[in-house]
């Protein structure tokens, strides 16, 4: 899965995008991405902490950036209306 076109913050492993927090590595196929509706949950990193590739500091920075962005500009994370059904 590719990153959402709107990228607001980019770390080594994680990006804050219009969808929320996404893993940069395409090989992970979006299975660890965090939707915007979940960025305020506690223990977001818990399912990944035991994985060798996981960079906890980079993830914490992504969470902080997403939460800051949501407070400052909450409309950024709302899907655009295309008029299609």
Protein backbone atom coordinates (compact mmCIF):
# COMPACT_ATOMS: atom_id res chain seq x y z
CA UNK A 1 0.00 0.00 0.00
CA UNK A 2 1.36 3.39 -0.91
CA UNK A 3 1.25 6.41 1.33
CA UNK A 4 -1.70 8.76 1.11
CA UNK A 5 -0.94 11.67 -1.20
CA UNK A 6 -1.14 14.23 1.64
CA UNK A 7 1.98 13.77 3.78
CA UNK A 8 2.26 16.13 6.77
CA UNK A 9 5.22 14.58 8.59
CA UNK A 10 7.75 11.99 7.45
CA UNK A 11 10.03 9.97 9.70
CA UNK A 12 12.27 6.99 8.97
CA UNK A 13 9.57 4.36 9.39
CA UNK A 14 6.35 6.31 9.84
CA UNK A 15 4.48 9.13 8.13
CA UNK A 16 1.54 11.27 9.17
CA UNK A 17 -0.79 11.47 6.20
CA UNK A 18 -4.37 12.30 5.38
CA UNK A 19 -5.29 8.78 6.52
CA UNK A 20 -3.54 8.99 9.90
CA UNK A 21 -0.23 7.29 10.71
CA UNK A 22 1.17 5.03 8.01
CA UNK A 23 4.20 2.76 7.88
CA UNK A 24 6.53 3.98 5.14
CA UNK A 25 7.63 0.45 4.14
CA UNK A 26 5.36 -0.76 1.31
CA UNK A 27 6.22 -4.38 2.17
CA UNK A 28 4.12 -4.06 5.33
CA UNK A 29 1.09 -3.52 3.06
CA UNK A 30 -0.67 -1.19 5.48
CA UNK A 31 -1.17 -3.81 8.18
CA UNK A 32 0.32 -1.55 10.88
CA UNK A 33 -1.24 1.73 9.72
CA UNK A 34 -3.26 3.67 12.31
CA UNK A 35 -6.40 5.39 11.05
CA UNK A 36 -7.04 8.95 12.16
CA UNK A 37 -9.96 7.81 14.33
CA UNK A 38 -7.50 5.84 16.47
CA UNK A 39 -4.68 8.36 17.02
CA UNK A 40 -5.93 9.23 20.51
CA UNK A 41 -5.96 5.63 21.75
CA UNK A 42 -3.48 4.51 24.40
CA UNK A 43 -0.85 1.84 23.70
CA UNK A 44 -0.87 2.19 19.92
CA UNK A 45 2.65 0.78 19.81
CA UNK A 46 1.86 -2.32 21.90
CA UNK A 47 1.18 -4.71 18.98
CA UNK A 48 4.51 -3.77 17.37
CA UNK A 49 6.89 -3.48 20.32
CA UNK A 50 8.21 -7.03 19.98
CA UNK A 51 8.92 -6.74 16.24
CA UNK A 52 12.60 -6.42 15.30
CA UNK A 53 12.05 -3.71 12.70
CA UNK A 54 9.94 -1.44 14.92
CA UNK A 55 11.50 1.93 15.86
CA UNK A 56 9.58 3.06 18.94
CA UNK A 57 11.07 6.57 18.98
CA UNK A 58 10.11 7.23 15.36
CA UNK A 59 6.60 5.91 16.02
CA UNK A 60 6.24 8.11 19.12
CA UNK A 61 7.25 11.12 17.03
CA UNK A 62 4.65 10.19 14.42
CA UNK A 63 1.93 9.88 17.06
CA UNK A 64 2.89 13.25 18.54
CA UNK A 65 2.90 14.87 15.09
CA UNK A 66 -0.51 13.38 14.21
CA UNK A 67 -2.07 14.49 17.49
CA UNK A 68 -0.62 17.98 17.15
CA UNK A 69 -1.88 18.22 13.58
CA UNK A 70 -5.35 17.04 14.63
CA UNK A 71 -5.55 19.71 17.33
CA UNK A 72 -4.35 22.50 15.06
CA UNK A 73 -6.14 21.57 11.87
CA UNK A 74 -8.75 18.87 12.43
CA UNK A 75 -10.23 19.28 8.96
CA UNK A 76 -6.99 18.00 7.46
CA UNK A 77 -7.92 14.45 8.36
CA UNK A 78 -11.47 14.56 7.00
CA UNK A 79 -11.94 12.80 3.66
CA UNK A 80 -12.62 15.04 0.72
CA UNK A 81 -16.02 14.83 -0.85
CA UNK A 82 -15.90 13.82 -4.49
CA UNK A 83 -19.64 13.77 -4.98
CA UNK A 84 -19.50 10.14 -6.09
CA UNK A 85 -21.58 7.45 -4.47
